Amino acid sequence: MGGWGAGLRGVVASIVVSVNSKKNYLKLIYH
């Protein structure tokens, strides 16, 4: 459970980082 939970957390973290970087990219375009 620990290893699987850590892997899932890593996937979620990478998705969050990707979304945040896309938001920052859009801010750079529009501002």
PDB file of N, CA and C in Angstrom:
ATOM      1  N   MET A   1       0.835  -1.203   0.000  1.00  0.00           N
ATOM      2  CA  MET A   1       0.000   0.000   0.000  1.00  0.00           C
ATOM      3  C   MET A   1       0.866   1.249   0.000  1.00  0.00           C
ATOM      4  N   GLY A   2       1.932   1.227   0.806  1.00  0.00           N
ATOM      5  CA  GLY A   2       2.792   2.403   0.904  1.00  0.00           C
ATOM      6  C   GLY A   2       3.428   2.752  -0.441  1.00  0.00           C
ATOM      7  N   GLY A   3       4.008   1.722  -1.111  1.00  0.00           N
ATOM      8  CA  GLY A   3       4.643   1.972  -2.400  1.00  0.00           C
ATOM      9  C   GLY A   3       3.638   2.437  -3.446  1.00  0.00           C
ATOM     10  N   TRP A   4       2.477   1.772  -3.470  1.00  0.00           N
ATOM     11  CA  TRP A   4       1.442   2.144  -4.452  1.00  0.00           C
ATOM     12  C   TRP A   4       0.928   3.545  -4.179  1.00  0.00           C
ATOM     13  N   GLY A   5       0.707   3.861  -2.895  1.00  0.00           N
ATOM     14  CA  GLY A   5       0.240   5.202  -2.525  1.00  0.00           C
ATOM     15  C   GLY A   5       1.252   6.266  -2.908  1.00  0.00           C
ATOM     16  N   ALA A   6       2.539   5.959  -2.699  1.00  0.00           N
ATOM     17  CA  ALA A   6       3.585   6.922  -3.041  1.00  0.00           C
ATOM     18  C   ALA A   6       3.629   7.138  -4.554  1.00  0.00           C
ATOM     19  N   GLY A   7       3.472   6.068  -5.322  1.00  0.00           N
ATOM     20  CA  GLY A   7       3.468   6.189  -6.780  1.00  0.00           C
ATOM     21  C   GLY A   7       2.296   7.029  -7.254  1.00  0.00           C
ATOM     22  N   LEU A   8       1.140   6.783  -6.668  1.00  0.00           N
ATOM     23  CA  LEU A   8      -0.051   7.546  -7.048  1.00  0.00           C
ATOM     24  C   LEU A   8       0.118   9.012  -6.688  1.00  0.00           C
ATOM     25  N   ARG A   9       0.692   9.258  -5.514  1.00  0.00           N
ATOM     26  CA  ARG A   9       0.945  10.639  -5.091  1.00  0.00           C
ATOM     27  C   ARG A   9       1.901  11.326  -6.055  1.00  0.00           C
ATOM     28  N   GLY A  10       2.900  10.594  -6.541  1.00  0.00           N
ATOM     29  CA  GLY A  10       3.843  11.158  -7.505  1.00  0.00           C
ATOM     30  C   GLY A  10       3.154  11.531  -8.815  1.00  0.00           C
ATOM     31  N   VAL A  11       2.231  10.673  -9.259  1.00  0.00           N
ATOM     32  CA  VAL A  11       1.482  10.964 -10.485  1.00  0.00           C
ATOM     33  C   VAL A  11       0.624  12.209 -10.297  1.00  0.00           C
ATOM     34  N   VAL A  12      -0.074  12.280  -9.172  1.00  0.00           N
ATOM     35  CA  VAL A  12      -0.923  13.449  -8.887  1.00  0.00           C
ATOM     36  C   VAL A  12      -0.066  14.710  -8.820  1.00  0.00           C
ATOM     37  N   ALA A  13       1.084  14.631  -8.162  1.00  0.00           N
ATOM     38  CA  ALA A  13       1.972  15.789  -8.048  1.00  0.00           C
ATOM     39  C   ALA A  13       2.437  16.258  -9.431  1.00  0.00           C
ATOM     40  N   SER A  14       2.783  15.300 -10.296  1.00  0.00           N
ATOM     41  CA  SER A  14       3.242  15.682 -11.643  1.00  0.00           C
ATOM     42  C   SER A  14       2.113  16.339 -12.444  1.00  0.00           C
ATOM     43  N   ILE A  15       0.881  15.852 -12.257  1.00  0.00           N
ATOM     44  CA  ILE A  15      -0.270  16.467 -12.946  1.00  0.00           C
ATOM     45  C   ILE A  15      -0.473  17.891 -12.439  1.00  0.00           C
ATOM     46  N   VAL A  16      -0.397  18.077 -11.129  1.00  0.00           N
ATOM     47  CA  VAL A  16      -0.567  19.416 -10.543  1.00  0.00           C
ATOM     48  C   VAL A  16       0.495  20.370 -11.073  1.00  0.00           C
ATOM     49  N   VAL A  17       1.731  19.914 -11.126  1.00  0.00           N
ATOM     50  CA  VAL A  17       2.819  20.750 -11.641  1.00  0.00           C
ATOM     51  C   VAL A  17       2.570  21.109 -13.104  1.00  0.00           C
ATOM     52  N   SER A  18       2.103  20.135 -13.877  1.00  0.00           N
ATOM     53  CA  SER A  18       1.813  20.381 -15.295  1.00  0.00           C
ATOM     54  C   SER A  18       0.719  21.430 -15.456  1.00  0.00           C
ATOM     55  N   VAL A  19      -0.345  21.297 -14.676  1.00  0.00           N
ATOM     56  CA  VAL A  19      -1.450  22.258 -14.746  1.00  0.00           C
ATOM     57  C   VAL A  19      -0.972  23.648 -14.333  1.00  0.00           C
ATOM     58  N   ASN A  20      -0.198  23.723 -13.256  1.00  0.00           N
ATOM     59  CA  ASN A  20       0.306  25.022 -12.797  1.00  0.00           C
ATOM     60  C   ASN A  20       1.202  25.671 -13.846  1.00  0.00           C
ATOM     61  N   SER A  21       2.052  24.882 -14.496  1.00  0.00           N
ATOM     62  CA  SER A  21       2.937  25.446 -15.521  1.00  0.00           C
ATOM     63  C   SER A  21       2.131  25.931 -16.722  1.00  0.00           C
ATOM     64  N   LYS A  22       1.056  25.228 -17.065  1.00  0.00           N
ATOM     65  CA  LYS A  22       0.196  25.682 -18.158  1.00  0.00           C
ATOM     66  C   LYS A  22      -0.500  26.985 -17.803  1.00  0.00           C
ATOM     67  N   LYS A  23      -0.949  27.119 -16.547  1.00  0.00           N
ATOM     68  CA  LYS A  23      -1.583  28.370 -16.106  1.00  0.00           C
ATOM     69  C   LYS A  23      -0.587  29.523 -16.188  1.00  0.00           C
ATOM     70  N   ASN A  24       0.642  29.288 -15.745  1.00  0.00           N
ATOM     71  CA  ASN A  24       1.667  30.330 -15.811  1.00  0.00           C
ATOM     72  C   ASN A  24       1.958  30.705 -17.263  1.00  0.00           C
ATOM     73  N   TYR A  25       1.975  29.718 -18.149  1.00  0.00           N
ATOM     74  CA  TYR A  25       2.216  29.960 -19.574  1.00  0.00           C
ATOM     75  C   TYR A  25       1.103  30.824 -20.160  1.00  0.00           C
ATOM     76  N   LEU A  26      -0.150  30.529 -19.798  1.00  0.00           N
ATOM     77  CA  LEU A  26      -1.269  31.338 -20.279  1.00  0.00           C
ATOM     78  C   LEU A  26      -1.186  32.761 -19.742  1.00  0.00           C
ATOM     79  N   LYS A  27      -0.755  32.912 -18.484  1.00  0.00           N
ATOM     80  CA  LYS A  27      -0.588  34.259 -17.919  1.00  0.00           C
ATOM     81  C   LYS A  27       0.446  35.042 -18.716  1.00  0.00           C
ATOM     82  N   LEU A  28       1.530  34.381 -19.097  1.00  0.00           N
ATOM     83  CA  LEU A  28       2.566  35.058 -19.888  1.00  0.00           C
ATOM     84  C   LEU A  28       2.026  35.481 -21.253  1.00  0.00           C
ATOM     85  N   ILE A  29       1.170  34.655 -21.832  1.00  0.00           N
ATOM     86  CA  ILE A  29       0.602  34.988 -23.148  1.00  0.00           C
ATOM     87  C   ILE A  29      -0.350  36.180 -23.041  1.00  0.00           C
ATOM     88  N   TYR A  30      -1.233  36.137 -22.062  1.00  0.00           N
ATOM     89  CA  TYR A  30      -2.307  37.137 -22.015  1.00  0.00           C
ATOM     90  C   TYR A  30      -1.929  38.440 -21.324  1.00  0.00           C
ATOM     91  N   HIS A  31      -0.820  38.422 -20.541  1.00  0.00           N
ATOM     92  CA  HIS A  31      -0.477  39.666 -19.836  1.00  0.00           C
ATOM     93  C   HIS A  31       0.749  40.295 -20.454  1.00  0.00           C
TER      94      HIS A  31
END
